[in-house]
Amino acid sequence: MIKMRLIRLLKGSGKYILYQVLWQWISLIMQIIIAINITGLIQEAFLDTAFESHIPRVVIVVIASVLIRTICDKLYTKASFHAGANVKRILRNCIYEKVLHLGPAYREQVHTSEIVQMAGEGVEQLEVYFSRYLSQFFYSLLAPLTLFIVVMRISMKSAVILLIAVPLIPIVIMLVMTVAKKLLSHYFDIYYGLGDSFLEKLQGMTTLKIYQADKTAADDMDRESEQFRKITMKVLMMQLNSTSVMDIVAYGGAAVGIISALLQFYKAEISLFGMLMFLFLAAEFFLPMRILGSFFHIGMNGMKASDHIFAFLDLPEQQRGSKEINDKEITISLENLSFSYDPRKTILSGIDMTIPPKSFVSIVGVSGSGKSTIAGILMGKNLKYSGSLKINNDEHSELTSKTILSHFTFVGHRSWMFAGTVRENLLMGNPNATEKEMNEALEKVNLLDFINSQDGLDTKLTSNASNLSGGQNQRLSLARALLHNTPVYIFDEATSNVDAGSEEIIMNVIHELSKTKTVILISHRLANVVNSDEIFMLKNGSIVESGLHFELMNNKGAYEKLFTEQMNLENFSKRKEISE
């Protein structure tokens, strides 16, 4: 169970595996020296030949050998630790780099929960595989050969019996492997599926509670958990049974070797020393392979974990170019742009749009008209569009993901805030931001006084800033975006689900930002887009109107109709509030 691709990928760990084998082999040599001296002393005592004069020498040799074995054990543990740490570092870095290469659209190919499980449990399985299993594999081949060379001089017959019996353990392992492969494959499929299901239900817990569907969701989780429990018990049963069989083979083989030596001693074919040597060392023939057998399930888990990791690392990446954006004056051009998730259903069709540098452009339309899809394409989340999307004179796909993300800032209605401090979350926008710059950003979104009334920039935030109001959370997201300081800002429903006061503050910041940056505002509320340099009205994935607010109102088309409906509804709501 050695996968060469895995070895090549983690070649930096090879030296630590070599060290582990070396320290184990030296420890075995010390064990042989101890056996030789003790059995020699017993024979001298039995024959009454210079027994007492050799005791001090034997004691010194045995103590020295034990000390060397102790040192070797510590060095083995140290090498094992370094091998495991190196593996975790390399593999997690590979997974992280792959996510970066896949770009913002990685979720189209793999679930986030699966990546987390691979980087967590999957890598941990391979840590044990490299830190213990591989070194034991090579040592279990070296140890029997070393012992055979030592005992063959005493009795070739018994030595050959022991050597022949050793491969019975890997034969048992191979037989178990045929059953275990399919079982472990099923195990990991259920494991990753359970992770996906758990994360989805956890994220949707509020919705489940609102519709009182949490009991049904809990029952589903119970059923999936029970399925996982059953497959886990099957895996453990397989491991336990294989261990029992390996014990029978190992100790049975040692017993056969010892019996052979005893018969030869009875027939005076070998000396007492020879018989005792076989007695002391027979088990050593099988113990390395037996320990390898106990690591067998770890090896199998490691192999299956590596299959999933390599399947992830082999996912096709965005076919992007290597060009960089070198100009802060950015012109965005969309020509005949179309996009669909499903060939049978078109999301965008024939989009033509030009966004000059430092302009304030709004994209509006009813829900499902394709507004957010355009934002996703601009940020590199939605791939496989047809037509042309140019940033200055370069096609979007010719640019690196890194240069796109360093020149475009996206603010949605659910920008995530991480558990930690306000300072830590703001520094994600700009790791080099000074305290003064962070305070200025907070002041622009009218949060500075509130934050200072708490613990300042060291104010603690819970996961997704749930200890802040929805409006405060969104304004903090906007402050972080301001610190990112990119030429282009995309706001996708950034004022939805916030109170009127926060909406006004956010829109004031957006209008101020549009004086020096390119701002693309996506909004369902048309009152927010009145002052735009150009408004694009989408319907069923196509642009049906474009122009200034007053031009679109004069056209008496889809925009005017939607704007009038919204104003009438808002005025009605205000009159109702006043009357109440």
Protein backbone atom coordinates (compact mmCIF):
# COMPACT_ATOMS: atom_id res chain seq x y z
CA MET A 1 0.00 0.00 0.00
CA ILE A 2 2.43 2.60 -1.25
CA LYS A 3 1.25 5.27 -3.65
CA MET A 4 4.20 6.69 -5.57
CA ARG A 5 2.42 9.94 -6.39
CA LEU A 6 2.01 10.51 -2.68
CA ILE A 7 5.68 9.75 -2.06
CA ARG A 8 6.75 12.17 -4.80
CA LEU A 9 4.45 14.89 -3.51
CA LEU A 10 5.80 14.51 0.01
CA LYS A 11 9.43 13.81 -0.86
CA GLY A 12 10.54 16.18 1.91
CA SER A 13 9.28 13.61 4.42
CA GLY A 14 11.44 10.82 2.94
CA LYS A 15 14.44 11.58 5.10
CA TYR A 16 12.35 11.36 8.28
CA ILE A 17 11.03 7.94 7.20
CA LEU A 18 14.63 6.84 6.60
CA TYR A 19 15.60 8.08 10.07
CA GLN A 20 12.75 6.12 11.65
CA VAL A 21 13.84 2.90 9.93
CA LEU A 22 17.47 3.52 10.94
CA TRP A 23 16.65 4.10 14.62
CA GLN A 24 14.39 1.01 14.71
CA TRP A 25 17.10 -1.09 13.04
CA ILE A 26 19.79 0.07 15.50
CA SER A 27 17.37 -0.71 18.34
CA LEU A 28 16.96 -4.23 16.90
CA ILE A 29 20.74 -4.67 16.77
CA MET A 30 20.89 -3.70 20.44
CA GLN A 31 18.18 -6.27 21.17
CA ILE A 32 20.25 -8.95 19.41
CA ILE A 33 23.36 -7.94 21.39
CA ILE A 34 21.38 -8.17 24.63
CA ALA A 35 20.08 -11.63 23.64
CA ILE A 36 23.59 -12.85 22.72
CA ASN A 37 25.09 -11.70 26.03
CA ILE A 38 22.29 -12.99 28.25
CA THR A 39 22.02 -16.38 26.51
CA GLY A 40 25.81 -16.67 26.55
CA LEU A 41 25.84 -15.98 30.29
CA ILE A 42 23.08 -18.55 30.87
CA GLN A 43 25.05 -21.18 28.93
CA GLU A 44 28.21 -20.41 30.91
CA ALA A 45 26.24 -20.75 34.16
CA PHE A 46 24.77 -24.05 32.95
CA LEU A 47 28.20 -25.37 31.96
CA ASP A 48 29.87 -23.70 34.98
CA THR A 49 32.61 -22.08 32.86
CA ALA A 50 33.94 -18.68 33.97
CA PHE A 51 30.42 -17.56 34.83
CA GLU A 52 31.16 -15.02 37.61
CA SER A 53 34.01 -13.25 35.79
CA HIS A 54 31.76 -12.44 32.80
CA ILE A 55 28.85 -11.01 34.82
CA PRO A 56 30.20 -7.41 35.04
CA ARG A 57 30.92 -7.33 31.29
CA VAL A 58 27.44 -8.64 30.43
CA VAL A 59 25.78 -6.16 32.81
CA ILE A 60 27.68 -3.23 31.26
CA VAL A 61 26.84 -4.37 27.71
CA VAL A 62 23.16 -4.89 28.57
CA ILE A 63 22.86 -1.49 30.30
CA ALA A 64 24.63 0.25 27.40
CA SER A 65 22.37 -1.52 24.89
CA VAL A 66 19.24 -0.55 26.84
CA LEU A 67 20.41 3.08 26.95
CA ILE A 68 21.05 3.06 23.21
CA ARG A 69 17.61 1.55 22.60
CA THR A 70 16.06 4.29 24.75
CA ILE A 71 17.89 6.97 22.78
CA CYS A 72 16.83 5.33 19.51
CA ASP A 73 13.20 5.25 20.68
CA LYS A 74 13.33 8.99 21.42
CA LEU A 75 14.98 9.74 18.08
CA TYR A 76 12.37 7.56 16.35
CA THR A 77 9.57 9.51 18.05
CA LYS A 78 11.19 12.81 17.06
CA ALA A 79 11.57 11.72 13.42
CA SER A 80 7.97 10.48 13.46
CA PHE A 81 6.77 13.86 14.70
CA HIS A 82 8.72 15.74 12.01
CA ALA A 83 7.41 13.41 9.30
CA GLY A 84 3.82 14.00 10.41
CA ALA A 85 4.25 17.76 10.77
CA ASN A 86 5.87 18.00 7.34
CA VAL A 87 3.04 16.02 5.75
CA LYS A 88 0.36 18.23 7.29
CA ARG A 89 2.14 21.38 6.20
CA ILE A 90 2.66 20.23 2.60
CA LEU A 91 -0.80 18.73 2.07
CA ARG A 92 -2.72 21.60 3.62
CA ASN A 93 -0.66 24.04 1.59
CA CYS A 94 -1.49 22.02 -1.57
CA ILE A 95 -5.21 22.08 -0.73
CA TYR A 96 -5.07 25.81 -0.03
CA GLU A 97 -3.16 26.52 -3.26
CA LYS A 98 -5.68 24.43 -5.20
CA VAL A 99 -8.58 26.45 -3.80
CA LEU A 100 -6.77 29.62 -4.89
CA HIS A 101 -6.17 28.20 -8.37
CA LEU A 102 -9.80 27.12 -8.69
CA GLY A 103 -10.69 30.71 -7.94
CA PRO A 104 -13.93 32.09 -6.54
CA ALA A 105 -15.87 29.49 -8.54
CA TYR A 106 -14.47 26.52 -6.57
CA ARG A 107 -17.89 25.80 -5.07
CA GLU A 108 -19.19 24.83 -8.49
CA GLN A 109 -16.99 21.72 -8.30
CA VAL A 110 -16.65 20.82 -4.64
CA HIS A 111 -18.50 21.48 -1.38
CA THR A 112 -16.79 23.70 1.18
CA SER A 113 -17.47 21.11 3.89
CA GLU A 114 -15.61 18.47 1.86
CA ILE A 115 -12.56 20.74 1.61
CA VAL A 116 -12.68 21.28 5.37
CA GLN A 117 -12.93 17.53 6.00
CA MET A 118 -10.05 16.80 3.60
CA ALA A 119 -7.85 19.45 5.20
CA GLY A 120 -8.80 18.17 8.65
CA GLU A 121 -9.56 14.47 9.01
CA GLY A 122 -8.12 13.49 5.62
CA VAL A 123 -4.74 15.07 6.30
CA GLU A 124 -4.68 13.63 9.83
CA GLN A 125 -5.11 10.13 8.35
CA LEU A 126 -2.14 10.72 6.06
CA GLU A 127 -0.09 12.14 8.92
CA VAL A 128 -0.27 8.77 10.69
CA TYR A 129 0.34 7.00 7.38
CA PHE A 130 3.63 8.86 6.90
CA SER A 131 4.72 9.17 10.51
CA ARG A 132 4.16 5.50 11.44
CA TYR A 133 2.93 3.22 8.66
CA LEU A 134 5.54 3.78 5.92
CA SER A 135 8.56 3.49 8.21
CA GLN A 136 7.07 0.34 9.76
CA PHE A 137 6.52 -1.09 6.28
CA PHE A 138 10.19 -0.80 5.36
CA TYR A 139 11.41 -1.85 8.79
CA SER A 140 9.20 -4.98 8.72
CA LEU A 141 11.09 -6.04 5.56
CA LEU A 142 14.52 -5.24 6.98
CA ALA A 143 14.09 -6.76 10.47
CA PRO A 144 13.36 -10.41 9.46
CA LEU A 145 16.31 -10.40 7.04
CA THR A 146 18.61 -9.04 9.76
CA LEU A 147 17.45 -11.68 12.22
CA PHE A 148 17.73 -14.41 9.58
CA ILE A 149 21.39 -13.53 8.98
CA VAL A 150 22.03 -13.77 12.75
CA VAL A 151 20.21 -17.07 13.50
CA MET A 152 21.03 -18.92 10.25
CA ARG A 153 24.51 -19.56 11.66
CA ILE A 154 22.90 -21.34 14.57
CA SER A 155 20.34 -23.39 12.64
CA MET A 156 19.55 -22.88 8.97
CA LYS A 157 16.50 -25.14 9.26
CA SER A 158 14.78 -23.17 12.06
CA ALA A 159 15.84 -19.84 10.51
CA VAL A 160 14.23 -20.78 7.18
CA ILE A 161 11.02 -21.89 8.95
CA LEU A 162 10.77 -18.51 10.67
CA LEU A 163 11.57 -16.57 7.49
CA ILE A 164 9.01 -18.49 5.43
CA ALA A 165 6.30 -17.96 8.06
CA VAL A 166 6.80 -14.16 8.11
CA PRO A 167 5.14 -13.49 4.69
CA LEU A 168 1.95 -15.17 5.91
CA ILE A 169 1.06 -11.93 7.69
CA PRO A 170 1.15 -9.74 4.53
CA ILE A 171 -0.82 -12.47 2.75
CA VAL A 172 -3.52 -12.10 5.39
CA ILE A 173 -3.28 -8.32 4.97
CA MET A 174 -3.78 -8.64 1.21
CA LEU A 175 -6.83 -10.84 1.69
CA VAL A 176 -8.34 -8.35 4.12
CA MET A 177 -7.50 -5.51 1.73
CA THR A 178 -9.79 -6.88 -0.97
CA VAL A 179 -12.72 -6.59 1.45
CA ALA A 180 -11.53 -3.36 3.06
CA LYS A 181 -11.15 -1.34 -0.16
CA LYS A 182 -14.83 -1.37 -1.01
CA LEU A 183 -15.85 -0.97 2.62
CA LEU A 184 -13.61 2.05 3.22
CA SER A 185 -14.69 3.66 -0.05
CA HIS A 186 -18.30 3.40 1.14
CA TYR A 187 -17.23 4.68 4.58
CA PHE A 188 -15.67 7.88 3.21
CA ASP A 189 -18.61 8.52 0.87
CA ILE A 190 -20.98 8.40 3.85
CA TYR A 191 -18.56 10.43 5.99
CA TYR A 192 -18.28 13.30 3.51
CA GLY A 193 -22.02 13.15 2.80
CA LEU A 194 -22.77 13.43 6.51
CA GLY A 195 -20.50 16.49 6.71
CA ASP A 196 -22.30 18.18 3.81
CA SER A 197 -25.70 17.46 5.31
CA PHE A 198 -24.70 18.67 8.78
CA LEU A 199 -23.23 21.95 7.47
CA GLU A 200 -26.28 22.65 5.31
CA LYS A 201 -28.72 22.09 8.18
CA LEU A 202 -26.55 24.10 10.57
CA GLN A 203 -26.46 27.07 8.18
CA GLY A 204 -30.20 26.82 7.62
CA MET A 205 -31.13 26.32 11.28
CA THR A 206 -32.96 29.65 11.55
CA THR A 207 -35.09 28.82 8.51
CA LEU A 208 -35.79 25.34 9.87
CA LYS A 209 -36.95 26.85 13.17
CA ILE A 210 -39.17 29.42 11.46
CA TYR A 211 -41.01 26.73 9.49
CA GLN A 212 -40.89 24.26 12.40
CA ALA A 213 -39.03 21.81 10.18
CA ASP A 214 -36.18 21.30 12.65
CA LYS A 215 -37.70 18.03 13.93
CA THR A 216 -37.71 16.59 10.39
CA ALA A 217 -34.14 17.80 9.86
CA ALA A 218 -33.07 16.24 13.16
CA ASP A 219 -34.68 12.94 12.14
CA ASP A 220 -32.77 13.07 8.84
CA MET A 221 -29.52 13.67 10.71
CA ASP A 222 -30.30 10.80 13.09
CA ARG A 223 -30.89 8.49 10.12
CA GLU A 224 -27.66 9.57 8.39
CA SER A 225 -25.71 9.33 11.66
CA GLU A 226 -27.03 5.82 12.26
CA GLN A 227 -25.94 4.86 8.75
CA PHE A 228 -22.47 6.26 9.51
CA ARG A 229 -22.40 4.41 12.86
CA LYS A 230 -23.17 1.11 11.14
CA ILE A 231 -20.47 1.52 8.48
CA THR A 232 -18.00 2.59 11.21
CA MET A 233 -18.77 -0.55 13.22
CA LYS A 234 -18.24 -2.67 10.10
CA VAL A 235 -14.84 -1.05 9.58
CA LEU A 236 -13.90 -1.62 13.23
CA MET A 237 -15.10 -5.24 13.06
CA MET A 238 -13.00 -5.79 9.94
CA GLN A 239 -9.97 -4.29 11.70
CA LEU A 240 -10.53 -6.38 14.85
CA ASN A 241 -10.93 -9.63 12.90
CA SER A 242 -7.85 -8.96 10.80
CA THR A 243 -5.86 -8.20 13.97
CA SER A 244 -6.94 -11.50 15.55
CA VAL A 245 -5.93 -13.46 12.45
CA MET A 246 -2.56 -11.70 12.33
CA ASP A 247 -1.97 -12.52 16.01
CA ILE A 248 -2.61 -16.21 15.33
CA VAL A 249 -0.25 -16.19 12.35
CA ALA A 250 2.47 -14.19 14.13
CA TYR A 251 2.58 -16.09 17.39
CA GLY A 252 1.84 -19.38 15.68
CA GLY A 253 4.84 -18.83 13.40
CA ALA A 254 7.04 -17.95 16.37
CA ALA A 255 5.82 -21.08 18.19
CA VAL A 256 6.69 -23.28 15.18
CA GLY A 257 10.20 -21.78 15.06
CA ILE A 258 10.71 -22.29 18.78
CA ILE A 259 9.45 -25.89 18.66
CA SER A 260 11.84 -26.60 15.78
CA ALA A 261 14.74 -25.21 17.83
CA LEU A 262 13.71 -27.22 20.89
CA LEU A 263 13.61 -30.45 18.86
CA GLN A 264 17.08 -29.73 17.46
CA PHE A 265 18.36 -29.03 20.97
CA TYR A 266 16.80 -32.30 22.17
CA LYS A 267 18.64 -34.12 19.40
CA ALA A 268 21.83 -32.24 20.32
CA GLU A 269 21.93 -30.61 16.88
CA ILE A 270 22.26 -27.13 18.44
CA SER A 271 23.66 -25.92 21.73
CA LEU A 272 21.81 -24.45 24.70
CA PHE A 273 22.99 -21.02 23.50
CA GLY A 274 21.45 -21.62 20.09
CA MET A 275 18.16 -22.85 21.49
CA LEU A 276 17.89 -19.84 23.84
CA MET A 277 18.71 -17.45 20.97
CA PHE A 278 15.76 -18.82 19.01
CA LEU A 279 13.63 -18.56 22.14
CA PHE A 280 14.55 -14.89 22.62
CA LEU A 281 14.47 -13.81 18.97
CA ALA A 282 11.71 -15.90 17.37
CA ALA A 283 9.01 -13.39 18.25
CA GLU A 284 11.18 -10.56 16.88
CA PHE A 285 10.79 -12.09 13.41
CA PHE A 286 7.04 -11.45 13.52
CA LEU A 287 6.58 -8.41 15.74
CA PRO A 288 7.55 -5.80 13.09
CA MET A 289 5.14 -7.35 10.57
CA ARG A 290 2.51 -7.73 13.29
CA ILE A 291 2.83 -4.03 14.18
CA LEU A 292 2.58 -3.24 10.48
CA GLY A 293 -0.63 -5.25 10.43
CA SER A 294 -2.02 -3.16 13.30
CA PHE A 295 -1.27 -0.07 11.18
CA PHE A 296 -2.98 -1.68 8.21
CA HIS A 297 -6.31 0.09 8.73
CA ILE A 298 -4.39 3.38 9.09
CA GLY A 299 -2.69 2.66 5.80
CA MET A 300 -6.02 1.90 4.12
CA ASN A 301 -7.61 5.03 5.57
CA GLY A 302 -4.61 7.01 4.36
CA MET A 303 -4.94 5.57 0.86
CA LYS A 304 -8.65 6.39 0.66
CA ALA A 305 -8.03 9.86 2.09
CA SER A 306 -5.30 10.41 -0.51
CA ASP A 307 -7.72 9.31 -3.25
CA HIS A 308 -10.12 12.07 -2.24
CA ILE A 309 -7.33 14.63 -1.88
CA PHE A 310 -5.84 13.79 -5.29
CA ALA A 311 -9.30 13.83 -6.88
CA PHE A 312 -9.64 17.36 -5.51
CA LEU A 313 -6.13 18.38 -6.62
CA ASP A 314 -6.93 17.03 -10.11
CA LEU A 315 -10.07 19.11 -10.53
CA PRO A 316 -9.90 21.21 -13.71
CA GLU A 317 -8.86 24.76 -12.93
CA GLN A 318 -10.01 27.98 -14.47
CA GLN A 319 -8.33 28.38 -17.83
CA ARG A 320 -7.08 31.84 -17.04
CA GLY A 321 -4.20 33.76 -18.55
CA SER A 322 -1.21 35.30 -16.82
CA LYS A 323 -1.89 38.96 -17.58
CA GLU A 324 -2.04 41.58 -14.86
CA ILE A 325 -4.06 44.79 -14.57
CA ASN A 326 -1.49 47.60 -14.43
CA ASP A 327 -3.78 50.62 -14.81
CA LYS A 328 -5.95 52.04 -12.05
CA GLU A 329 -8.19 53.64 -14.68
CA ILE A 330 -10.37 50.62 -15.51
CA THR A 331 -12.87 50.36 -18.35
CA ILE A 332 -15.23 47.36 -18.29
CA SER A 333 -16.80 46.23 -21.57
CA LEU A 334 -19.39 43.48 -22.00
CA GLU A 335 -20.25 42.53 -25.58
CA ASN A 336 -22.92 39.98 -26.45
CA LEU A 337 -22.33 38.31 -23.07
CA SER A 338 -24.43 35.20 -22.36
CA PHE A 339 -24.40 32.73 -19.50
CA SER A 340 -26.32 29.66 -18.33
CA TYR A 341 -25.88 27.10 -15.56
CA ASP A 342 -28.00 24.65 -17.55
CA PRO A 343 -27.98 24.58 -21.38
CA ARG A 344 -31.77 24.39 -21.28
CA LYS A 345 -32.13 27.58 -19.24
CA THR A 346 -30.37 30.82 -20.21
CA ILE A 347 -29.63 33.24 -17.36
CA LEU A 348 -28.07 36.05 -19.42
CA SER A 349 -28.43 36.68 -23.12
CA GLY A 350 -26.70 39.24 -25.37
CA ILE A 351 -25.60 41.65 -22.64
CA ASP A 352 -23.88 44.78 -24.02
CA MET A 353 -22.58 47.16 -21.43
CA THR A 354 -19.70 49.66 -21.15
CA ILE A 355 -18.63 50.99 -17.77
CA PRO A 356 -16.10 53.87 -18.00
CA PRO A 357 -13.53 54.56 -15.25
CA LYS A 358 -14.82 56.30 -12.11
CA SER A 359 -18.44 56.03 -13.20
CA PHE A 360 -21.49 55.19 -11.10
CA VAL A 361 -23.45 52.48 -12.91
CA SER A 362 -26.52 50.67 -11.61
CA ILE A 363 -27.98 47.33 -12.69
CA VAL A 364 -31.63 46.90 -11.76
CA GLY A 365 -34.49 44.52 -12.40
CA VAL A 366 -36.86 42.18 -10.65
CA SER A 367 -35.57 39.14 -8.78
CA GLY A 368 -34.18 36.47 -11.10
CA SER A 369 -33.44 38.85 -13.96
CA GLY A 370 -29.69 38.07 -13.87
CA LYS A 371 -28.28 41.05 -11.94
CA SER A 372 -26.18 39.06 -9.47
CA THR A 373 -24.99 36.73 -12.22
CA ILE A 374 -23.25 39.69 -13.90
CA ALA A 375 -21.53 40.51 -10.60
CA GLY A 376 -20.45 36.87 -10.26
CA ILE A 377 -18.96 36.90 -13.77
CA LEU A 378 -17.06 40.13 -13.07
CA MET A 379 -15.61 38.64 -9.86
CA GLY A 380 -14.70 35.36 -11.60
CA LYS A 381 -17.27 33.25 -9.71
CA ASN A 382 -19.44 32.35 -12.69
CA LEU A 383 -17.39 30.75 -15.43
CA LYS A 384 -18.08 29.48 -18.95
CA TYR A 385 -19.78 32.60 -20.22
CA SER A 386 -19.91 33.24 -23.95
CA GLY A 387 -19.29 36.54 -25.68
CA SER A 388 -16.72 39.03 -24.51
CA LEU A 389 -15.88 40.61 -21.17
CA LYS A 390 -12.91 42.97 -21.33
CA ILE A 391 -11.09 44.76 -18.55
CA ASN A 392 -9.44 47.67 -20.40
CA ASN A 393 -8.22 45.89 -23.55
CA ASP A 394 -7.73 42.42 -22.03
CA GLU A 395 -10.27 39.62 -22.00
CA HIS A 396 -11.36 38.76 -18.46
CA SER A 397 -10.19 35.14 -18.87
CA GLU A 398 -6.68 36.32 -19.84
CA LEU A 399 -6.21 37.94 -16.43
CA THR A 400 -5.12 36.11 -13.28
CA SER A 401 -7.62 35.60 -10.47
CA LYS A 402 -5.26 37.43 -8.14
CA THR A 403 -5.21 40.59 -10.23
CA ILE A 404 -9.02 40.56 -10.54
CA LEU A 405 -9.47 40.22 -6.77
CA SER A 406 -6.87 42.93 -6.09
CA HIS A 407 -8.66 45.43 -8.39
CA PHE A 408 -12.32 44.55 -7.71
CA THR A 409 -14.07 44.63 -4.33
CA PHE A 410 -17.39 42.88 -3.87
CA VAL A 411 -19.84 43.76 -1.09
CA GLY A 412 -22.94 41.59 -0.90
CA HIS A 413 -25.83 41.53 1.53
CA ARG A 414 -24.18 38.69 3.45
CA SER A 415 -20.48 39.57 3.67
CA TRP A 416 -19.10 37.27 6.36
CA MET A 417 -17.58 38.57 9.58
CA PHE A 418 -15.26 36.19 11.41
CA ALA A 419 -15.17 35.52 15.12
CA GLY A 420 -12.40 37.68 16.58
CA THR A 421 -11.96 41.42 16.96
CA VAL A 422 -13.06 44.39 14.87
CA ARG A 423 -9.38 45.05 14.18
CA GLU A 424 -8.76 41.53 12.84
CA ASN A 425 -11.74 41.74 10.49
CA LEU A 426 -10.77 45.18 9.20
CA LEU A 427 -7.18 44.07 8.58
CA MET A 428 -8.52 41.47 6.12
CA GLY A 429 -9.34 44.39 3.86
CA ASN A 430 -5.81 45.76 4.16
CA PRO A 431 -3.24 43.94 6.34
CA ASN A 432 -1.09 47.08 6.36
CA ALA A 433 -3.82 49.48 7.47
CA THR A 434 -2.88 51.76 10.36
CA GLU A 435 -5.11 52.32 13.38
CA LYS A 436 -5.85 55.80 12.06
CA GLU A 437 -6.98 54.41 8.68
CA MET A 438 -9.22 51.84 10.36
CA ASN A 439 -10.81 54.51 12.55
CA GLU A 440 -11.37 56.73 9.50
CA ALA A 441 -13.12 53.87 7.70
CA LEU A 442 -15.34 53.27 10.73
CA GLU A 443 -16.14 56.97 10.93
CA LYS A 444 -17.23 57.04 7.27
CA VAL A 445 -19.80 54.30 7.95
CA ASN A 446 -20.86 55.97 11.24
CA LEU A 447 -19.60 53.15 13.46
CA LEU A 448 -16.64 54.76 15.20
CA ASP A 449 -18.56 56.14 18.18
CA PHE A 450 -20.27 52.81 18.79
CA ILE A 451 -17.03 50.82 18.50
CA ASN A 452 -15.21 53.24 20.82
CA SER A 453 -18.03 52.89 23.35
CA GLN A 454 -17.18 49.19 23.48
CA ASP A 455 -13.49 48.13 23.44
CA GLY A 456 -12.45 50.12 20.38
CA LEU A 457 -10.78 48.15 17.62
CA ASP A 458 -10.38 45.26 20.07
CA THR A 459 -14.15 44.85 20.41
CA LYS A 460 -14.93 41.15 20.25
CA LEU A 461 -17.14 39.81 17.49
CA THR A 462 -18.93 36.49 17.51
CA SER A 463 -19.22 34.37 14.36
CA ASN A 464 -20.63 36.55 11.54
CA ALA A 465 -20.82 39.42 14.06
CA SER A 466 -24.10 38.10 15.43
CA ASN A 467 -23.59 40.35 18.47
CA LEU A 468 -24.12 43.38 16.18
CA SER A 469 -27.36 44.46 14.55
CA GLY A 470 -27.88 43.70 10.87
CA GLY A 471 -27.21 47.33 9.92
CA GLN A 472 -24.05 47.54 12.04
CA ASN A 473 -22.79 44.29 10.57
CA GLN A 474 -23.29 45.54 7.03
CA ARG A 475 -21.65 48.90 7.78
CA LEU A 476 -18.66 47.10 9.27
CA SER A 477 -18.44 45.05 6.06
CA LEU A 478 -18.45 48.32 4.12
CA ALA A 479 -15.65 49.74 6.29
CA ARG A 480 -13.55 46.65 5.54
CA ALA A 481 -14.27 47.09 1.83
CA LEU A 482 -13.16 50.74 1.96
CA LEU A 483 -9.82 49.65 3.41
CA HIS A 484 -9.34 47.27 0.46
CA ASN A 485 -9.09 50.44 -1.69
CA THR A 486 -9.52 48.99 -5.19
CA PRO A 487 -10.39 50.86 -8.40
CA VAL A 488 -13.72 49.02 -8.83
CA TYR A 489 -16.44 48.34 -6.25
CA ILE A 490 -19.44 46.08 -6.83
CA PHE A 491 -22.36 46.39 -4.39
CA ASP A 492 -24.87 43.56 -4.77
CA GLU A 493 -27.99 44.34 -2.73
CA ALA A 494 -25.71 45.82 -0.07
CA THR A 495 -28.63 47.70 1.53
CA SER A 496 -31.13 44.86 1.66
CA ASN A 497 -32.23 43.61 5.07
CA VAL A 498 -30.92 46.68 6.92
CA ASP A 499 -32.79 49.45 8.73
CA ALA A 500 -33.56 52.75 7.00
CA GLY A 501 -30.87 54.62 8.93
CA SER A 502 -28.14 52.14 7.92
CA GLU A 503 -29.38 52.16 4.32
CA GLU A 504 -29.03 55.95 4.17
CA ILE A 505 -25.51 55.82 5.64
CA ILE A 506 -24.43 53.07 3.22
CA MET A 507 -25.83 54.91 0.19
CA ASN A 508 -24.10 58.13 1.25
CA VAL A 509 -20.79 56.25 1.42
CA ILE A 510 -21.43 54.65 -2.00
CA HIS A 511 -22.19 58.05 -3.57
CA GLU A 512 -19.05 59.55 -2.05
CA LEU A 513 -17.00 56.56 -3.21
CA SER A 514 -18.31 56.95 -6.78
CA LYS A 515 -16.47 60.28 -7.05
CA THR A 516 -13.09 58.54 -7.08
CA LYS A 517 -13.87 54.90 -7.92
CA THR A 518 -15.84 52.87 -10.43
CA VAL A 519 -19.01 51.80 -8.63
CA ILE A 520 -21.41 49.13 -9.88
CA LEU A 521 -24.57 49.11 -7.80
CA ILE A 522 -27.01 46.20 -8.02
CA SER A 523 -30.23 47.03 -6.27
CA HIS A 524 -33.85 45.96 -6.28
CA ARG A 525 -34.79 49.36 -4.77
CA LEU A 526 -34.79 51.90 -7.60
CA ALA A 527 -34.77 54.94 -5.29
CA ASN A 528 -31.11 54.14 -4.61
CA VAL A 529 -30.05 54.34 -8.27
CA VAL A 530 -31.62 57.69 -9.25
CA ASN A 531 -28.28 59.55 -9.31
CA SER A 532 -26.44 56.92 -11.37
CA ASP A 533 -24.42 57.92 -14.44
CA GLU A 534 -26.17 55.10 -16.27
CA ILE A 535 -28.85 52.57 -15.34
CA PHE A 536 -29.25 49.17 -17.00
CA MET A 537 -32.67 47.60 -16.67
CA LEU A 538 -32.66 43.79 -16.92
CA LYS A 539 -35.60 41.57 -17.65
CA ASN A 540 -35.43 37.81 -18.25
CA GLY A 541 -31.63 37.98 -18.60
CA SER A 542 -31.53 40.77 -21.22
CA ILE A 543 -31.08 44.53 -21.08
CA VAL A 544 -34.41 46.06 -22.05
CA GLU A 545 -33.54 49.68 -21.24
CA SER A 546 -30.51 51.79 -20.35
CA GLY A 547 -29.85 55.46 -19.70
CA LEU A 548 -30.19 58.15 -17.05
CA HIS A 549 -33.03 58.06 -14.54
CA PHE A 550 -35.01 60.89 -16.14
CA GLU A 551 -34.55 59.35 -19.61
CA LEU A 552 -35.89 56.00 -18.46
CA MET A 553 -38.80 57.66 -16.69
CA ASN A 554 -39.68 59.52 -19.89
CA ASN A 555 -39.55 56.25 -21.88
CA LYS A 556 -42.54 54.98 -19.90
CA GLY A 557 -41.13 51.45 -20.15
CA ALA A 558 -40.30 48.65 -17.69
CA TYR A 559 -38.12 50.91 -15.52
CA GLU A 560 -40.75 53.62 -15.15
CA LYS A 561 -43.40 51.04 -14.33
CA LEU A 562 -41.28 49.35 -11.63
CA PHE A 563 -40.13 52.68 -10.15
CA THR A 564 -43.70 53.99 -9.94
CA GLU A 565 -44.94 50.78 -8.31
CA GLN A 566 -42.20 50.96 -5.69
CA MET A 567 -42.82 54.66 -4.93
CA ASN A 568 -46.56 54.08 -4.58
CA LEU A 569 -45.93 51.15 -2.23
CA GLU A 570 -43.46 53.13 -0.11
CA ASN A 571 -45.78 56.16 0.08
CA PHE A 572 -48.64 53.88 1.10
CA SER A 573 -46.49 52.36 3.85
CA LYS A 574 -45.51 55.82 5.13
CA ARG A 575 -49.14 57.02 5.19
CA LYS A 576 -50.11 53.86 7.06
CA GLU A 577 -47.37 54.41 9.65
CA ILE A 578 -48.49 58.01 10.18
CA SER A 579 -52.13 57.02 10.60
CA GLU A 580 -51.18 54.38 13.16
